[in-house]
Amino acid sequence: MQNWIGISLGDVTGVSPEVALKAVAAESQSDDTKYLLIGDEKVARQLNAANGLNRPLENFSGYAAAGKLFIANPLSEALPERLPAGSPLAARAAVAALRDGAQRCLRGELAALVTAPVNKESIIRAGHKFVGQTEFLSELAGTRRTAMMLLGTDEHGRWLRVALATIHIALKSVAEKLTAEKIMLAIELAAQSCRDLGLPRARIAVCGLNPHAGEGGEFGDEEITTIGPVVQLMQKRGFNVAGPLSGDTVFHYALRGDFDAVVAMYHDQGLAPLKAVAFDTGVNWTLGLPFIRTSPDHGTAYDIAGKGIANPSSMIAAIRLAKQLARNRQ
């Protein structure tokens, strides 16, 4: 369904459904997109009223239904009211919504899935094996050839796009887990992301792992033994790629437009500069899935849940990116 966007409501004890409702209210009048909220109906209706949004919210009956904003609960029962932060019931509901949205995408019913934040610790405590939404969706889709990209603009409209070679692992494990195959995949998917976005080129910068990209082996040899040879191989394969470059300067050059995307070696190497320049507009995009999946680049923010003050900017950006990618695929 080319004009249907699914939005999983995430952890209802955090700000996830609030930012989802606010974002949809802001976006739903801009085009003919239909939105399917996936999660607890009572929570969605209460937030719709409590935040003064008052958008027409209809129970989902089928993709041919008239209207623009719908709600579908993958669970048979509504959640109890006033659940504590990180409740196991809320965590299980978040996983159910995530799974339902992904399955609808895999069946071709939705053009894209935008996922509101979940809390990993709560999901694990609720009895699920869970590393992150990216890994969960990759397993559901039956693929391991995925990578996380974070992208956003600064106050001047300059883009920073960062793909990660490794993601949710301990820093002490990065050198051991960093393989040529993972770097090659991140470069390949970063280049494809530029094409998916309709950019005129796909100029990719690859970070070194060590300070100053190793200083010729003085601070580690991963640049010499692994990263450098991968970059040379990908250049021979026709990719417009440079590196390994020092992680303390490459993001400056990317932000000014010298590069279209950066491949970082580990989570915080890429996300720290991204969040420094695009904290409120950053979007998480899972590259390599057989469907479009985006997400706001923030967490559940339990401390401000229920106060009506959550900023929906990142969620709006995630929805807009999902719609842009869906249009480009058409």
C-alpha atoms as a PDB file:
ATOM      1  CA  MET A   1       0.000   0.000   0.000  1.00  0.00           C
ATOM      2  CA  GLN A   2       2.055   2.895  -1.325  1.00  0.00           C
ATOM      3  CA  ASN A   3       0.464   5.684   0.747  1.00  0.00           C
ATOM      4  CA  TRP A   4       0.243   3.875   4.103  1.00  0.00           C
ATOM      5  CA  ILE A   5       2.848   4.553   6.800  1.00  0.00           C
ATOM      6  CA  GLY A   6       2.873   2.410   9.931  1.00  0.00           C
ATOM      7  CA  ILE A   7       3.951   3.848  13.283  1.00  0.00           C
ATOM      8  CA  SER A   8       4.595   1.506  16.208  1.00  0.00           C
ATOM      9  CA  LEU A   9       3.831   3.367  19.431  1.00  0.00           C
ATOM     10  CA  GLY A  10       6.783   2.006  21.414  1.00  0.00           C
ATOM     11  CA  ASP A  11       6.936   2.082  25.210  1.00  0.00           C
ATOM     12  CA  VAL A  12       3.704   3.681  26.445  1.00  0.00           C
ATOM     13  CA  THR A  13       5.235   4.491  29.853  1.00  0.00           C
ATOM     14  CA  GLY A  14       7.647   6.891  28.143  1.00  0.00           C
ATOM     15  CA  VAL A  15       7.158   9.733  25.667  1.00  0.00           C
ATOM     16  CA  SER A  16       6.953   7.400  22.663  1.00  0.00           C
ATOM     17  CA  PRO A  17       3.195   7.561  21.969  1.00  0.00           C
ATOM     18  CA  GLU A  18       3.152  11.279  22.782  1.00  0.00           C
ATOM     19  CA  VAL A  19       5.757  12.170  20.152  1.00  0.00           C
ATOM     20  CA  ALA A  20       4.080   9.809  17.681  1.00  0.00           C
ATOM     21  CA  LEU A  21       0.671  11.488  18.099  1.00  0.00           C
ATOM     22  CA  LYS A  22       2.151  14.998  17.967  1.00  0.00           C
ATOM     23  CA  ALA A  23       4.185  14.164  14.865  1.00  0.00           C
ATOM     24  CA  VAL A  24       1.254  12.617  13.014  1.00  0.00           C
ATOM     25  CA  ALA A  25      -0.934  15.591  13.916  1.00  0.00           C
ATOM     26  CA  ALA A  26       1.695  17.890  12.404  1.00  0.00           C
ATOM     27  CA  GLU A  27       2.195  15.814   9.252  1.00  0.00           C
ATOM     28  CA  SER A  28      -1.209  14.335   8.483  1.00  0.00           C
ATOM     29  CA  GLN A  29      -2.535  17.433   6.737  1.00  0.00           C
ATOM     30  CA  SER A  30       0.452  17.888   4.407  1.00  0.00           C
ATOM     31  CA  ASP A  31      -0.361  15.169   1.842  1.00  0.00           C
ATOM     32  CA  ASP A  32      -2.572  12.149   1.166  1.00  0.00           C
ATOM     33  CA  THR A  33      -0.558   9.733   3.347  1.00  0.00           C
ATOM     34  CA  LYS A  34      -2.590   7.400   5.556  1.00  0.00           C
ATOM     35  CA  TYR A  35      -1.169   6.534   8.978  1.00  0.00           C
ATOM     36  CA  LEU A  36      -1.652   3.330  10.921  1.00  0.00           C
ATOM     37  CA  LEU A  37      -0.742   3.688  14.590  1.00  0.00           C
ATOM     38  CA  ILE A  38       0.120   0.279  16.004  1.00  0.00           C
ATOM     39  CA  GLY A  39      -0.355  -0.079  19.749  1.00  0.00           C
ATOM     40  CA  ASP A  40      -2.806   0.468  22.562  1.00  0.00           C
ATOM     41  CA  GLU A  41      -5.973   2.260  21.421  1.00  0.00           C
ATOM     42  CA  LYS A  42      -6.874   3.729  24.819  1.00  0.00           C
ATOM     43  CA  VAL A  43      -3.412   5.260  25.257  1.00  0.00           C
ATOM     44  CA  ALA A  44      -3.545   6.789  21.778  1.00  0.00           C
ATOM     45  CA  ARG A  45      -7.005   8.284  22.282  1.00  0.00           C
ATOM     46  CA  GLN A  46      -6.149   9.690  25.711  1.00  0.00           C
ATOM     47  CA  LEU A  47      -2.991  11.371  24.410  1.00  0.00           C
ATOM     48  CA  ASN A  48      -4.829  12.663  21.355  1.00  0.00           C
ATOM     49  CA  ALA A  49      -7.245  14.459  23.680  1.00  0.00           C
ATOM     50  CA  ALA A  50      -4.843  15.379  26.506  1.00  0.00           C
ATOM     51  CA  ASN A  51      -2.431  17.159  24.161  1.00  0.00           C
ATOM     52  CA  GLY A  52      -5.220  19.078  22.450  1.00  0.00           C
ATOM     53  CA  LEU A  53      -4.528  17.385  19.107  1.00  0.00           C
ATOM     54  CA  ASN A  54      -8.051  16.103  18.567  1.00  0.00           C
ATOM     55  CA  ARG A  55      -7.217  14.402  15.292  1.00  0.00           C
ATOM     56  CA  PRO A  56      -9.868  12.016  13.922  1.00  0.00           C
ATOM     57  CA  LEU A  57      -8.615   8.601  15.044  1.00  0.00           C
ATOM     58  CA  GLU A  58     -10.461   5.598  13.650  1.00  0.00           C
ATOM     59  CA  ASN A  59     -10.246   1.908  14.465  1.00  0.00           C
ATOM     60  CA  PHE A  60      -8.474   0.124  11.638  1.00  0.00           C
ATOM     61  CA  SER A  61     -10.814  -2.043   9.549  1.00  0.00           C
ATOM     62  CA  GLY A  62      -8.867  -2.402   6.317  1.00  0.00           C
ATOM     63  CA  TYR A  63      -6.619  -0.565   3.906  1.00  0.00           C
ATOM     64  CA  ALA A  64      -9.541   0.539   1.742  1.00  0.00           C
ATOM     65  CA  ALA A  65     -11.102   2.549   4.584  1.00  0.00           C
ATOM     66  CA  ALA A  66     -11.740   6.256   4.155  1.00  0.00           C
ATOM     67  CA  GLY A  67      -9.835   8.542   6.483  1.00  0.00           C
ATOM     68  CA  LYS A  68      -6.206   9.314   7.250  1.00  0.00           C
ATOM     69  CA  LEU A  69      -5.425   8.262  10.824  1.00  0.00           C
ATOM     70  CA  PHE A  70      -6.119   4.788  12.197  1.00  0.00           C
ATOM     71  CA  ILE A  71      -5.235   2.718  15.266  1.00  0.00           C
ATOM     72  CA  ALA A  72      -4.713  -1.060  15.459  1.00  0.00           C
ATOM     73  CA  ASN A  73      -3.824  -2.990  18.615  1.00  0.00           C
ATOM     74  CA  PRO A  74      -1.949  -6.247  17.945  1.00  0.00           C
ATOM     75  CA  LEU A  75      -2.876  -7.440  21.447  1.00  0.00           C
ATOM     76  CA  SER A  76      -6.303  -8.755  22.370  1.00  0.00           C
ATOM     77  CA  GLU A  77      -6.567  -6.715  25.580  1.00  0.00           C
ATOM     78  CA  ALA A  78      -5.959  -3.075  26.452  1.00  0.00           C
ATOM     79  CA  LEU A  79      -3.133  -2.160  28.805  1.00  0.00           C
ATOM     80  CA  PRO A  80      -3.970  -1.219  32.412  1.00  0.00           C
ATOM     81  CA  GLU A  81      -3.881   2.486  33.191  1.00  0.00           C
ATOM     82  CA  ARG A  82      -1.053   4.224  35.077  1.00  0.00           C
ATOM     83  CA  LEU A  83       1.605   1.609  34.455  1.00  0.00           C
ATOM     84  CA  PRO A  84       4.959   2.385  36.127  1.00  0.00           C
ATOM     85  CA  ALA A  85       7.919   3.402  33.970  1.00  0.00           C
ATOM     86  CA  GLY A  86       9.507   0.399  32.330  1.00  0.00           C
ATOM     87  CA  SER A  87       6.567  -1.898  33.081  1.00  0.00           C
ATOM     88  CA  PRO A  88       6.952  -5.450  31.689  1.00  0.00           C
ATOM     89  CA  LEU A  89       3.417  -5.195  30.284  1.00  0.00           C
ATOM     90  CA  ALA A  90       4.368  -2.038  28.397  1.00  0.00           C
ATOM     91  CA  ALA A  91       7.596  -3.657  27.188  1.00  0.00           C
ATOM     92  CA  ARG A  92       5.769  -6.705  25.821  1.00  0.00           C
ATOM     93  CA  ALA A  93       3.228  -4.459  24.117  1.00  0.00           C
ATOM     94  CA  ALA A  94       6.040  -2.467  22.500  1.00  0.00           C
ATOM     95  CA  VAL A  95       7.586  -5.649  21.087  1.00  0.00           C
ATOM     96  CA  ALA A  96       4.184  -6.824  19.822  1.00  0.00           C
ATOM     97  CA  ALA A  97       3.634  -3.500  18.028  1.00  0.00           C
ATOM     98  CA  LEU A  98       7.102  -3.609  16.510  1.00  0.00           C
ATOM     99  CA  ARG A  99       6.587  -7.157  15.260  1.00  0.00           C
ATOM    100  CA  ASP A 100       3.133  -6.378  13.871  1.00  0.00           C
ATOM    101  CA  GLY A 101       4.400  -3.339  11.955  1.00  0.00           C
ATOM    102  CA  ALA A 102       7.323  -5.263  10.477  1.00  0.00           C
ATOM    103  CA  GLN A 103       5.084  -8.131   9.391  1.00  0.00           C
ATOM    104  CA  ARG A 104       2.708  -5.710   7.671  1.00  0.00           C
ATOM    105  CA  CYS A 105       5.686  -4.242   5.793  1.00  0.00           C
ATOM    106  CA  LEU A 106       6.951  -7.673   4.792  1.00  0.00           C
ATOM    107  CA  ARG A 107       3.489  -8.488   3.428  1.00  0.00           C
ATOM    108  CA  GLY A 108       3.607  -5.300   1.354  1.00  0.00           C
ATOM    109  CA  GLU A 109       0.749  -3.648   3.252  1.00  0.00           C
ATOM    110  CA  LEU A 110       2.724  -0.608   4.423  1.00  0.00           C
ATOM    111  CA  ALA A 111       5.110   1.587   2.461  1.00  0.00           C
ATOM    112  CA  ALA A 112       7.280   2.132   5.540  1.00  0.00           C
ATOM    113  CA  LEU A 113       7.479   1.608   9.293  1.00  0.00           C
ATOM    114  CA  VAL A 114       8.390   4.389  11.721  1.00  0.00           C
ATOM    115  CA  THR A 115       9.196   3.018  15.162  1.00  0.00           C
ATOM    116  CA  ALA A 116       8.730   5.058  18.321  1.00  0.00           C
ATOM    117  CA  PRO A 117      11.329   4.495  21.068  1.00  0.00           C
ATOM    118  CA  VAL A 118      11.452   1.385  23.223  1.00  0.00           C
ATOM    119  CA  ASN A 119      13.530   0.653  26.309  1.00  0.00           C
ATOM    120  CA  LYS A 120      15.962  -2.232  25.858  1.00  0.00           C
ATOM    121  CA  GLU A 121      16.420  -2.911  29.570  1.00  0.00           C
ATOM    122  CA  SER A 122      12.665  -3.093  30.142  1.00  0.00           C
ATOM    123  CA  ILE A 123      12.209  -5.490  27.226  1.00  0.00           C
ATOM    124  CA  ILE A 124      14.990  -7.758  28.490  1.00  0.00           C
ATOM    125  CA  ARG A 125      13.536  -7.720  32.016  1.00  0.00           C
ATOM    126  CA  ALA A 126      10.178  -8.674  30.500  1.00  0.00           C
ATOM    127  CA  GLY A 127      11.738 -11.901  29.230  1.00  0.00           C
ATOM    128  CA  HIS A 128      12.734 -11.082  25.656  1.00  0.00           C
ATOM    129  CA  LYS A 129      16.180 -11.548  24.139  1.00  0.00           C
ATOM    130  CA  PHE A 130      16.644  -8.075  22.724  1.00  0.00           C
ATOM    131  CA  VAL A 131      19.711  -6.170  21.536  1.00  0.00           C
ATOM    132  CA  GLY A 132      17.903  -3.347  19.756  1.00  0.00           C
ATOM    133  CA  GLN A 133      15.156  -2.580  17.267  1.00  0.00           C
ATOM    134  CA  THR A 134      17.620  -2.770  14.358  1.00  0.00           C
ATOM    135  CA  GLU A 135      18.676  -6.300  15.278  1.00  0.00           C
ATOM    136  CA  PHE A 136      15.099  -7.365  16.061  1.00  0.00           C
ATOM    137  CA  LEU A 137      13.823  -6.211  12.669  1.00  0.00           C
ATOM    138  CA  SER A 138      16.795  -7.733  10.853  1.00  0.00           C
ATOM    139  CA  GLU A 139      16.016 -11.118  12.403  1.00  0.00           C
ATOM    140  CA  LEU A 140      12.327 -10.846  11.526  1.00  0.00           C
ATOM    141  CA  ALA A 141      13.244 -10.009   7.940  1.00  0.00           C
ATOM    142  CA  GLY A 142      15.708 -12.889   7.762  1.00  0.00           C
ATOM    143  CA  THR A 143      18.721 -10.776   6.885  1.00  0.00           C
ATOM    144  CA  ARG A 144      22.024  -9.917   8.532  1.00  0.00           C
ATOM    145  CA  ARG A 145      23.102  -7.500   5.826  1.00  0.00           C
ATOM    146  CA  THR A 146      21.862  -4.419   7.631  1.00  0.00           C
ATOM    147  CA  ALA A 147      23.502  -1.361   9.129  1.00  0.00           C
ATOM    148  CA  MET A 148      22.399   1.570  11.235  1.00  0.00           C
ATOM    149  CA  MET A 149      22.522   5.041   9.726  1.00  0.00           C
ATOM    150  CA  LEU A 150      21.872   8.227  11.693  1.00  0.00           C
ATOM    151  CA  LEU A 151      21.240  11.415   9.758  1.00  0.00           C
ATOM    152  CA  GLY A 152      20.135  14.948  10.480  1.00  0.00           C
ATOM    153  CA  THR A 153      20.679  18.627   9.747  1.00  0.00           C
ATOM    154  CA  ASP A 154      22.229  21.418  11.758  1.00  0.00           C
ATOM    155  CA  GLU A 155      20.688  24.884  12.168  1.00  0.00           C
ATOM    156  CA  HIS A 156      22.080  25.869   8.754  1.00  0.00           C
ATOM    157  CA  GLY A 157      20.471  22.949   6.940  1.00  0.00           C
ATOM    158  CA  ARG A 158      23.739  21.066   6.482  1.00  0.00           C
ATOM    159  CA  TRP A 159      23.376  17.274   6.524  1.00  0.00           C
ATOM    160  CA  LEU A 160      25.438  14.735   8.423  1.00  0.00           C
ATOM    161  CA  ARG A 161      24.855  11.075   7.547  1.00  0.00           C
ATOM    162  CA  VAL A 162      26.666   8.396   9.524  1.00  0.00           C
ATOM    163  CA  ALA A 163      26.598   4.627   8.939  1.00  0.00           C
ATOM    164  CA  LEU A 164      28.019   2.328  11.612  1.00  0.00           C
ATOM    165  CA  ALA A 165      30.275  -0.663  10.996  1.00  0.00           C
ATOM    166  CA  THR A 166      29.542  -1.994  14.504  1.00  0.00           C
ATOM    167  CA  ILE A 167      26.739  -0.927  16.790  1.00  0.00           C
ATOM    168  CA  HIS A 168      25.602  -2.227  20.167  1.00  0.00           C
ATOM    169  CA  ILE A 169      28.757  -3.796  21.584  1.00  0.00           C
ATOM    170  CA  ALA A 170      31.147  -2.880  24.370  1.00  0.00           C
ATOM    171  CA  LEU A 171      33.928  -0.505  23.408  1.00  0.00           C
ATOM    172  CA  LYS A 172      36.565  -3.018  24.502  1.00  0.00           C
ATOM    173  CA  SER A 173      35.147  -5.489  21.955  1.00  0.00           C
ATOM    174  CA  VAL A 174      35.189  -3.201  18.923  1.00  0.00           C
ATOM    175  CA  ALA A 175      38.690  -4.049  17.669  1.00  0.00           C
ATOM    176  CA  GLU A 176      37.941  -7.763  17.965  1.00  0.00           C
ATOM    177  CA  LYS A 177      34.500  -7.570  16.312  1.00  0.00           C
ATOM    178  CA  LEU A 178      35.488  -5.125  13.563  1.00  0.00           C
ATOM    179  CA  THR A 179      35.891  -7.185  10.396  1.00  0.00           C
ATOM    180  CA  ALA A 180      36.559  -6.404   6.773  1.00  0.00           C
ATOM    181  CA  GLU A 181      33.114  -7.757   5.903  1.00  0.00           C
ATOM    182  CA  LYS A 182      31.354  -5.352   8.285  1.00  0.00           C
ATOM    183  CA  ILE A 183      33.242  -2.348   6.945  1.00  0.00           C
ATOM    184  CA  MET A 184      32.553  -3.376   3.352  1.00  0.00           C
ATOM    185  CA  LEU A 185      28.858  -3.768   4.115  1.00  0.00           C
ATOM    186  CA  ALA A 186      28.659  -0.358   5.796  1.00  0.00           C
ATOM    187  CA  ILE A 187      30.351   1.297   2.793  1.00  0.00           C
ATOM    188  CA  GLU A 188      28.078  -0.505   0.334  1.00  0.00           C
ATOM    189  CA  LEU A 189      24.895   0.386   2.250  1.00  0.00           C
ATOM    190  CA  ALA A 190      26.013   3.982   2.842  1.00  0.00           C
ATOM    191  CA  ALA A 191      26.537   4.415  -0.898  1.00  0.00           C
ATOM    192  CA  GLN A 192      23.145   2.850  -1.615  1.00  0.00           C
ATOM    193  CA  SER A 193      21.534   5.184   0.919  1.00  0.00           C
ATOM    194  CA  CYS A 194      22.792   8.176  -1.059  1.00  0.00           C
ATOM    195  CA  ARG A 195      21.156   6.771  -4.173  1.00  0.00           C
ATOM    196  CA  ASP A 196      17.937   6.044  -2.264  1.00  0.00           C
ATOM    197  CA  LEU A 197      17.899   9.673  -1.133  1.00  0.00           C
ATOM    198  CA  GLY A 198      18.323  10.850  -4.713  1.00  0.00           C
ATOM    199  CA  LEU A 199      21.670  12.549  -4.040  1.00  0.00           C
ATOM    200  CA  PRO A 200      23.767  13.445  -7.107  1.00  0.00           C
ATOM    201  CA  ARG A 201      26.769  11.499  -5.800  1.00  0.00           C
ATOM    202  CA  ALA A 202      27.784   9.004  -3.110  1.00  0.00           C
ATOM    203  CA  ARG A 203      31.109  10.227  -1.729  1.00  0.00           C
ATOM    204  CA  ILE A 204      31.862   8.126   1.391  1.00  0.00           C
ATOM    205  CA  ALA A 205      34.417   8.860   4.123  1.00  0.00           C
ATOM    206  CA  VAL A 206      35.650   5.967   6.271  1.00  0.00           C
ATOM    207  CA  CYS A 207      36.868   6.665   9.802  1.00  0.00           C
ATOM    208  CA  GLY A 208      39.912   5.093  11.325  1.00  0.00           C
ATOM    209  CA  LEU A 209      39.444   3.220  14.573  1.00  0.00           C
ATOM    210  CA  ASN A 210      42.335   4.713  16.533  1.00  0.00           C
ATOM    211  CA  PRO A 211      43.254   8.340  17.315  1.00  0.00           C
ATOM    212  CA  HIS A 212      44.664  10.089  14.232  1.00  0.00           C
ATOM    213  CA  ALA A 213      43.778   6.929  12.259  1.00  0.00           C
ATOM    214  CA  GLY A 214      46.587   5.101  14.043  1.00  0.00           C
ATOM    215  CA  GLU A 215      49.475   7.454  13.169  1.00  0.00           C
ATOM    216  CA  GLY A 216      51.014   4.880  10.834  1.00  0.00           C
ATOM    217  CA  GLY A 217      50.701   2.099  13.387  1.00  0.00           C
ATOM    218  CA  GLU A 218      51.847   4.045  16.432  1.00  0.00           C
ATOM    219  CA  PHE A 219      48.408   3.883  18.106  1.00  0.00           C
ATOM    220  CA  GLY A 220      47.168   0.572  16.737  1.00  0.00           C
ATOM    221  CA  ASP A 221      47.335  -1.210  13.411  1.00  0.00           C
ATOM    222  CA  GLU A 222      43.673  -1.791  12.451  1.00  0.00           C
ATOM    223  CA  GLU A 223      43.940   0.969   9.858  1.00  0.00           C
ATOM    224  CA  ILE A 224      46.844  -0.868   8.215  1.00  0.00           C
ATOM    225  CA  THR A 225      45.621  -4.437   8.528  1.00  0.00           C
ATOM    226  CA  THR A 226      41.870  -4.083   8.050  1.00  0.00           C
ATOM    227  CA  ILE A 227      40.351  -0.672   7.297  1.00  0.00           C
ATOM    228  CA  GLY A 228      42.842   0.569   4.707  1.00  0.00           C
ATOM    229  CA  PRO A 229      42.786  -2.596   2.588  1.00  0.00           C
ATOM    230  CA  VAL A 230      38.964  -2.554   2.596  1.00  0.00           C
ATOM    231  CA  VAL A 231      38.890   1.043   1.383  1.00  0.00           C
ATOM    232  CA  GLN A 232      41.341   0.201  -1.418  1.00  0.00           C
ATOM    233  CA  LEU A 233      39.281  -2.829  -2.424  1.00  0.00           C
ATOM    234  CA  MET A 234      36.059  -0.808  -2.526  1.00  0.00           C
ATOM    235  CA  GLN A 235      37.775   1.868  -4.615  1.00  0.00           C
ATOM    236  CA  LYS A 236      38.750  -0.820  -7.126  1.00  0.00           C
ATOM    237  CA  ARG A 237      35.110  -1.923  -7.184  1.00  0.00           C
ATOM    238  CA  GLY A 238      34.072   1.561  -8.248  1.00  0.00           C
ATOM    239  CA  PHE A 239      32.958   3.088  -4.950  1.00  0.00           C
ATOM    240  CA  ASN A 240      33.741   6.761  -4.353  1.00  0.00           C
ATOM    241  CA  VAL A 241      35.296   6.204  -0.944  1.00  0.00           C
ATOM    242  CA  ALA A 242      38.196   7.713   1.025  1.00  0.00           C
ATOM    243  CA  GLY A 243      39.966   6.665   4.194  1.00  0.00           C
ATOM    244  CA  PRO A 244      40.823   5.677   6.775  1.00  0.00           C
ATOM    245  CA  LEU A 245      40.488   9.262   8.015  1.00  0.00           C
ATOM    246  CA  SER A 246      40.963  10.602  11.508  1.00  0.00           C
ATOM    247  CA  GLY A 247      37.717  10.512  13.462  1.00  0.00           C
ATOM    248  CA  ASP A 248      38.433  13.862  15.123  1.00  0.00           C
ATOM    249  CA  THR A 249      38.298  15.810  11.835  1.00  0.00           C
ATOM    250  CA  VAL A 250      36.308  13.818   9.265  1.00  0.00           C
ATOM    251  CA  PHE A 251      32.900  14.958  10.524  1.00  0.00           C
ATOM    252  CA  HIS A 252      33.873  18.592  10.042  1.00  0.00           C
ATOM    253  CA  TYR A 253      34.637  17.906   6.389  1.00  0.00           C
ATOM    254  CA  ALA A 254      31.439  15.883   5.973  1.00  0.00           C
ATOM    255  CA  LEU A 255      29.331  18.658   7.483  1.00  0.00           C
ATOM    256  CA  ARG A 256      30.740  21.220   5.082  1.00  0.00           C
ATOM    257  CA  GLY A 257      29.852  18.970   2.141  1.00  0.00           C
ATOM    258  CA  ASP A 258      33.102  17.232   1.200  1.00  0.00           C
ATOM    259  CA  PHE A 259      31.466  13.854   1.863  1.00  0.00           C
ATOM    260  CA  ASP A 260      27.872  12.644   1.532  1.00  0.00           C
ATOM    261  CA  ALA A 261      28.122  10.016   4.273  1.00  0.00           C
ATOM    262  CA  VAL A 262      30.604   8.796   6.859  1.00  0.00           C
ATOM    263  CA  VAL A 263      31.225   5.204   7.920  1.00  0.00           C
ATOM    264  CA  ALA A 264      32.139   5.133  11.618  1.00  0.00           C
ATOM    265  CA  MET A 265      33.778   2.143  13.248  1.00  0.00           C
ATOM    266  CA  TYR A 266      31.685   2.092  16.438  1.00  0.00           C
ATOM    267  CA  HIS A 267      28.517   3.511  17.928  1.00  0.00           C
ATOM    268  CA  ASP A 268      29.676   6.596  19.809  1.00  0.00           C
ATOM    269  CA  GLN A 269      32.308   7.544  17.230  1.00  0.00           C
ATOM    270  CA  GLY A 270      29.485   8.234  14.808  1.00  0.00           C
ATOM    271  CA  LEU A 271      26.601   9.213  17.065  1.00  0.00           C
ATOM    272  CA  ALA A 272      28.391  11.752  19.275  1.00  0.00           C
ATOM    273  CA  PRO A 273      29.091  14.200  16.415  1.00  0.00           C
ATOM    274  CA  LEU A 274      25.683  13.511  14.842  1.00  0.00           C
ATOM    275  CA  LYS A 275      23.848  14.371  18.060  1.00  0.00           C
ATOM    276  CA  ALA A 276      26.047  17.410  18.606  1.00  0.00           C
ATOM    277  CA  VAL A 277      24.831  18.969  15.358  1.00  0.00           C
ATOM    278  CA  ALA A 278      21.345  17.439  14.993  1.00  0.00           C
ATOM    279  CA  PHE A 279      20.087  16.471  18.436  1.00  0.00           C
ATOM    280  CA  ASP A 280      16.453  17.440  17.785  1.00  0.00           C
ATOM    281  CA  THR A 281      16.293  16.399  14.125  1.00  0.00           C
ATOM    282  CA  GLY A 282      18.338  13.199  14.072  1.00  0.00           C
ATOM    283  CA  VAL A 283      16.773  10.115  12.490  1.00  0.00           C
ATOM    284  CA  ASN A 284      17.729   6.452  12.754  1.00  0.00           C
ATOM    285  CA  TRP A 285      17.413   4.629   9.409  1.00  0.00           C
ATOM    286  CA  THR A 286      17.989   0.886   9.155  1.00  0.00           C
ATOM    287  CA  LEU A 287      19.843   0.234   5.913  1.00  0.00           C
ATOM    288  CA  GLY A 288      19.556  -3.102   4.138  1.00  0.00           C
ATOM    289  CA  LEU A 289      16.087  -4.181   5.290  1.00  0.00           C
ATOM    290  CA  PRO A 290      13.604  -5.279   2.599  1.00  0.00           C
ATOM    291  CA  PHE A 291      11.340  -2.462   3.814  1.00  0.00           C
ATOM    292  CA  ILE A 292      11.786   1.150   4.911  1.00  0.00           C
ATOM    293  CA  ARG A 293      12.271   1.638   8.642  1.00  0.00           C
ATOM    294  CA  THR A 294      13.056   4.927  10.377  1.00  0.00           C
ATOM    295  CA  SER A 295      12.949   6.032  13.994  1.00  0.00           C
ATOM    296  CA  PRO A 296      13.554   9.152  16.069  1.00  0.00           C
ATOM    297  CA  ASP A 297      17.048   9.391  17.500  1.00  0.00           C
ATOM    298  CA  HIS A 298      16.103   9.530  21.188  1.00  0.00           C
ATOM    299  CA  GLY A 299      14.895   7.262  23.941  1.00  0.00           C
ATOM    300  CA  THR A 300      11.791   6.835  26.075  1.00  0.00           C
ATOM    301  CA  ALA A 301      12.544   9.811  28.380  1.00  0.00           C
ATOM    302  CA  TYR A 302      10.668   8.413  31.368  1.00  0.00           C
ATOM    303  CA  ASP A 303      11.432  11.559  33.369  1.00  0.00           C
ATOM    304  CA  ILE A 304       9.137  13.756  31.254  1.00  0.00           C
ATOM    305  CA  ALA A 305       6.511  11.175  30.293  1.00  0.00           C
ATOM    306  CA  GLY A 306       2.954  12.327  30.853  1.00  0.00           C
ATOM    307  CA  LYS A 307       3.874  16.004  31.127  1.00  0.00           C
ATOM    308  CA  GLY A 308       2.962  16.899  27.559  1.00  0.00           C
ATOM    309  CA  ILE A 309       6.297  18.600  26.913  1.00  0.00           C
ATOM    310  CA  ALA A 310       8.060  16.006  24.733  1.00  0.00           C
ATOM    311  CA  ASN A 311       9.562  17.479  21.557  1.00  0.00           C
ATOM    312  CA  PRO A 312       8.281  15.653  18.432  1.00  0.00           C
ATOM    313  CA  SER A 313      10.883  17.151  16.050  1.00  0.00           C
ATOM    314  CA  SER A 314      12.900  13.952  15.648  1.00  0.00           C
ATOM    315  CA  MET A 315       9.740  11.902  15.128  1.00  0.00           C
ATOM    316  CA  ILE A 316       8.515  14.371  12.510  1.00  0.00           C
ATOM    317  CA  ALA A 317      11.878  14.080  10.754  1.00  0.00           C
ATOM    318  CA  ALA A 318      11.624  10.272  10.876  1.00  0.00           C
ATOM    319  CA  ILE A 319       8.155  10.355   9.291  1.00  0.00           C
ATOM    320  CA  ARG A 320       9.271  12.783   6.600  1.00  0.00           C
ATOM    321  CA  LEU A 321      12.281  10.635   5.726  1.00  0.00           C
ATOM    322  CA  ALA A 322      10.081   7.521   5.541  1.00  0.00           C
ATOM    323  CA  LYS A 323       7.693   9.294   3.171  1.00  0.00           C
ATOM    324  CA  GLN A 324      10.572  10.616   1.040  1.00  0.00           C
ATOM    325  CA  LEU A 325      12.099   7.161   0.698  1.00  0.00           C
ATOM    326  CA  ALA A 326       8.717   5.626  -0.117  1.00  0.00           C
ATOM    327  CA  ARG A 327       8.143   8.214  -2.859  1.00  0.00           C
ATOM    328  CA  ASN A 328      11.618   7.595  -4.285  1.00  0.00           C
ATOM    329  CA  ARG A 329      10.980   3.844  -4.406  1.00  0.00           C
ATOM    330  CA  GLN A 330       7.826   4.445  -6.415  1.00  0.00           C
END
